[in-house]
Amino acid sequence: MKIRVEETKKKRLTLEEDEPAEHYAPLAEVEKSGEARFTAPVHVEVSAFWEHDHVRVAGKVATAAALTCSRCLTEFETPLESSFTIIYSQARDESPADEEVELSEEDLVAATYQGDEIDLDFEIAEQVMMEVPYKPLCREACKGLCTECGQDLNVAECGCNRGGINLKMSALQKIKIEK
């Protein structure tokens, strides 16, 4: 998705598009790595307008992904949605890299552009990737797998004795000390 800067100076632009996740290189990499499988196109709605000396872009992204639960290893589908605001300023000569600069809150949602177009593809992919959970759970109360037999404890209780053993120290049970 591209925005022509000159058009934002004349009026507020409203854009909408649906693209497959493969259209965005970072999302294609996420799928290739097996971290997630996107099951719906990435739907993007943005509004862009000229404000003082920059372009303000506000938008929403939405898609769905199939993830693997980090506790019970079952695959589940979840919606991924994010709202964002990014302020684009014309790229200028940067200050020396070794100089320390404190970032303001506005700097954290700022980006630069060169030329007369702003390409939003990277930011769109970034918004989706930030919504993919680091440790996905099929549900908050997921019981996971039995550490003894591997039974999915969400489906049925297995009967194994899992009480009282600290998994961090379980290797010490195998040590035999002769006197």
Protein backbone atom coordinates (compact mmCIF):
# COMPACT_ATOMS: atom_id res chain seq x y z
CA MET A 1 0.00 0.00 0.00
CA LYS A 2 1.46 3.33 -1.06
CA ILE A 3 0.48 6.89 -0.23
CA ARG A 4 1.35 9.82 -2.48
CA VAL A 5 2.46 12.64 -0.19
CA GLU A 6 1.15 15.43 -2.47
CA GLU A 7 -2.36 13.98 -2.30
CA THR A 8 -2.35 14.18 1.52
CA LYS A 9 -1.67 17.92 1.30
CA LYS A 10 -4.91 18.42 -0.67
CA LYS A 11 -7.29 16.19 1.29
CA ARG A 12 -7.56 13.33 3.77
CA LEU A 13 -6.95 10.00 2.03
CA THR A 14 -8.82 6.88 3.04
CA LEU A 15 -7.46 3.60 1.68
CA GLU A 16 -8.46 -0.01 2.17
CA GLU A 17 -6.99 -3.24 0.82
CA ASP A 18 -6.85 -6.99 1.35
CA GLU A 19 -3.59 -8.78 0.57
CA PRO A 20 -2.46 -12.33 1.25
CA ALA A 21 0.14 -12.59 4.01
CA GLU A 22 2.73 -13.73 1.44
CA HIS A 23 2.59 -10.23 -0.07
CA TYR A 24 4.52 -8.97 2.99
CA ALA A 25 8.03 -10.45 3.13
CA PRO A 26 8.30 -10.48 6.96
CA LEU A 27 4.98 -12.37 7.24
CA ALA A 28 6.10 -14.86 4.60
CA GLU A 29 9.20 -15.48 6.76
CA VAL A 30 7.02 -16.05 9.84
CA GLU A 31 5.05 -18.68 7.89
CA LYS A 32 8.22 -20.26 6.49
CA SER A 33 9.67 -20.58 10.02
CA GLY A 34 6.51 -22.39 11.18
CA GLU A 35 5.76 -19.82 13.87
CA ALA A 36 2.31 -19.10 12.39
CA ARG A 37 0.17 -19.87 9.36
CA PHE A 38 -2.00 -16.99 8.22
CA THR A 39 -5.49 -18.23 7.42
CA ALA A 40 -7.05 -14.97 6.21
CA PRO A 41 -5.87 -12.11 4.05
CA VAL A 42 -4.40 -9.08 5.79
CA HIS A 43 -7.13 -6.44 5.78
CA VAL A 44 -5.81 -2.88 6.06
CA GLU A 45 -7.72 0.38 6.51
CA VAL A 46 -5.76 3.65 6.72
CA SER A 47 -6.46 7.32 6.85
CA ALA A 48 -3.64 9.71 5.92
CA PHE A 49 -3.49 13.49 6.03
CA TRP A 50 -0.96 16.31 6.00
CA GLU A 51 -0.35 17.83 9.43
CA HIS A 52 2.10 20.76 9.81
CA ASP A 53 5.27 19.32 8.23
CA HIS A 54 4.49 15.61 8.26
CA VAL A 55 1.96 12.98 7.17
CA ARG A 56 -0.10 11.36 9.92
CA VAL A 57 -1.25 7.83 9.09
CA ALA A 58 -3.79 6.12 11.33
CA GLY A 59 -5.06 2.67 10.57
CA LYS A 60 -6.12 -0.83 11.48
CA VAL A 61 -4.87 -4.22 10.36
CA ALA A 62 -6.72 -7.49 10.82
CA THR A 63 -6.07 -11.09 9.85
CA ALA A 64 -6.27 -14.55 11.39
CA ALA A 65 -3.55 -17.07 12.13
CA ALA A 66 -3.27 -20.73 13.01
CA LEU A 67 -0.85 -21.14 15.91
CA THR A 68 0.41 -24.06 17.99
CA CYS A 69 -0.39 -23.89 21.70
CA SER A 70 2.82 -23.71 23.73
CA ARG A 71 1.33 -25.91 26.49
CA CYS A 72 -0.68 -28.66 24.79
CA LEU A 73 0.73 -28.46 21.22
CA THR A 74 -2.70 -28.36 19.55
CA GLU A 75 -3.23 -26.04 16.62
CA PHE A 76 -5.81 -23.30 17.05
CA GLU A 77 -6.93 -20.28 15.06
CA THR A 78 -7.03 -16.77 16.49
CA PRO A 79 -7.81 -13.32 15.11
CA LEU A 80 -4.97 -10.78 15.02
CA GLU A 81 -5.96 -7.11 15.08
CA SER A 82 -4.05 -3.91 15.69
CA SER A 83 -4.64 -0.16 15.48
CA PHE A 84 -1.73 2.16 14.84
CA THR A 85 -0.69 5.75 14.22
CA ILE A 86 2.56 6.61 12.48
CA ILE A 87 3.92 10.07 11.77
CA TYR A 88 5.99 10.25 8.57
CA SER A 89 8.52 13.05 8.09
CA GLN A 90 10.73 13.76 5.09
CA ALA A 91 14.14 12.07 5.56
CA ARG A 92 16.93 14.51 6.42
CA ASP A 93 20.64 14.24 7.12
CA GLU A 94 20.98 12.39 10.41
CA SER A 95 23.02 13.48 13.41
CA PRO A 96 26.18 11.47 14.18
CA ALA A 97 25.41 7.89 15.20
CA ASP A 98 27.56 8.00 18.35
CA GLU A 99 25.59 10.89 19.82
CA GLU A 100 23.08 9.92 22.54
CA VAL A 101 19.57 11.16 21.88
CA GLU A 102 16.57 10.81 24.16
CA LEU A 103 13.49 9.69 22.24
CA SER A 104 10.21 11.41 22.89
CA GLU A 105 6.88 9.59 22.78
CA GLU A 106 6.30 11.02 19.31
CA ASP A 107 9.63 9.59 18.11
CA LEU A 108 8.45 6.10 18.99
CA VAL A 109 5.63 6.34 16.42
CA ALA A 110 7.66 8.22 13.83
CA ALA A 111 9.16 7.10 10.55
CA THR A 112 10.76 8.79 7.58
CA TYR A 113 10.09 8.66 3.88
CA GLN A 114 12.06 9.62 0.79
CA GLY A 115 10.70 10.83 -2.49
CA ASP A 116 7.02 11.52 -3.05
CA GLU A 117 5.54 8.19 -1.87
CA ILE A 118 5.22 6.42 1.45
CA ASP A 119 5.27 2.62 1.25
CA LEU A 120 3.32 1.20 4.21
CA ASP A 121 4.06 -2.49 3.60
CA PHE A 122 6.80 -2.79 6.24
CA GLU A 123 4.72 -1.06 8.92
CA ILE A 124 1.67 -3.18 8.08
CA ALA A 125 3.69 -6.38 8.42
CA GLU A 126 5.23 -5.08 11.65
CA GLN A 127 1.80 -4.42 13.15
CA VAL A 128 0.67 -7.98 12.35
CA MET A 129 3.89 -9.52 13.69
CA MET A 130 3.56 -7.64 16.98
CA GLU A 131 0.16 -9.29 17.47
CA VAL A 132 1.49 -12.86 17.07
CA PRO A 133 1.92 -14.04 20.68
CA TYR A 134 5.38 -15.11 21.83
CA LYS A 135 3.92 -18.08 23.75
CA PRO A 136 0.56 -18.80 22.14
CA LEU A 137 -2.14 -20.44 24.29
CA CYS A 138 -5.24 -22.15 22.90
CA ARG A 139 -7.03 -20.79 25.98
CA GLU A 140 -5.92 -19.14 29.19
CA ALA A 141 -6.79 -22.19 31.32
CA CYS A 142 -4.92 -24.70 29.11
CA LYS A 143 -3.65 -27.56 31.31
CA GLY A 144 -0.93 -28.67 28.87
CA LEU A 145 0.56 -32.14 28.56
CA CYS A 146 1.36 -34.66 31.28
CA THR A 147 5.09 -34.60 31.96
CA GLU A 148 5.08 -38.37 32.52
CA CYS A 149 3.03 -39.84 29.66
CA GLY A 150 2.32 -36.90 27.32
CA GLN A 151 -1.49 -37.07 27.66
CA ASP A 152 -3.31 -33.84 26.73
CA LEU A 153 -4.76 -32.91 30.13
CA ASN A 154 -7.43 -30.76 28.48
CA VAL A 155 -8.93 -33.92 26.96
CA ALA A 156 -8.67 -36.34 29.89
CA GLU A 157 -6.79 -36.91 33.13
CA CYS A 158 -4.17 -39.64 32.75
CA GLY A 159 -3.73 -40.86 36.32
CA CYS A 160 0.04 -40.35 36.46
CA ASN A 161 1.55 -39.21 39.74
CA ARG A 162 2.78 -35.71 38.91
CA GLY A 163 2.48 -34.25 42.40
CA GLY A 164 5.41 -33.13 44.49
CA ILE A 165 8.07 -33.36 41.80
CA ASN A 166 9.85 -30.18 40.89
CA LEU A 167 10.74 -30.61 37.23
CA LYS A 168 13.86 -28.53 37.71
CA MET A 169 15.14 -30.99 40.28
CA SER A 170 13.74 -34.24 38.85
CA ALA A 171 17.13 -35.27 37.39
CA LEU A 172 18.45 -35.53 40.97
CA GLN A 173 16.12 -38.50 41.63
CA LYS A 174 18.31 -40.66 39.38
CA ILE A 175 21.47 -40.02 41.38
CA LYS A 176 22.49 -42.90 43.65
CA ILE A 177 24.86 -42.11 46.47
CA GLU A 178 26.78 -45.02 47.92
CA LYS A 179 27.90 -44.84 51.56
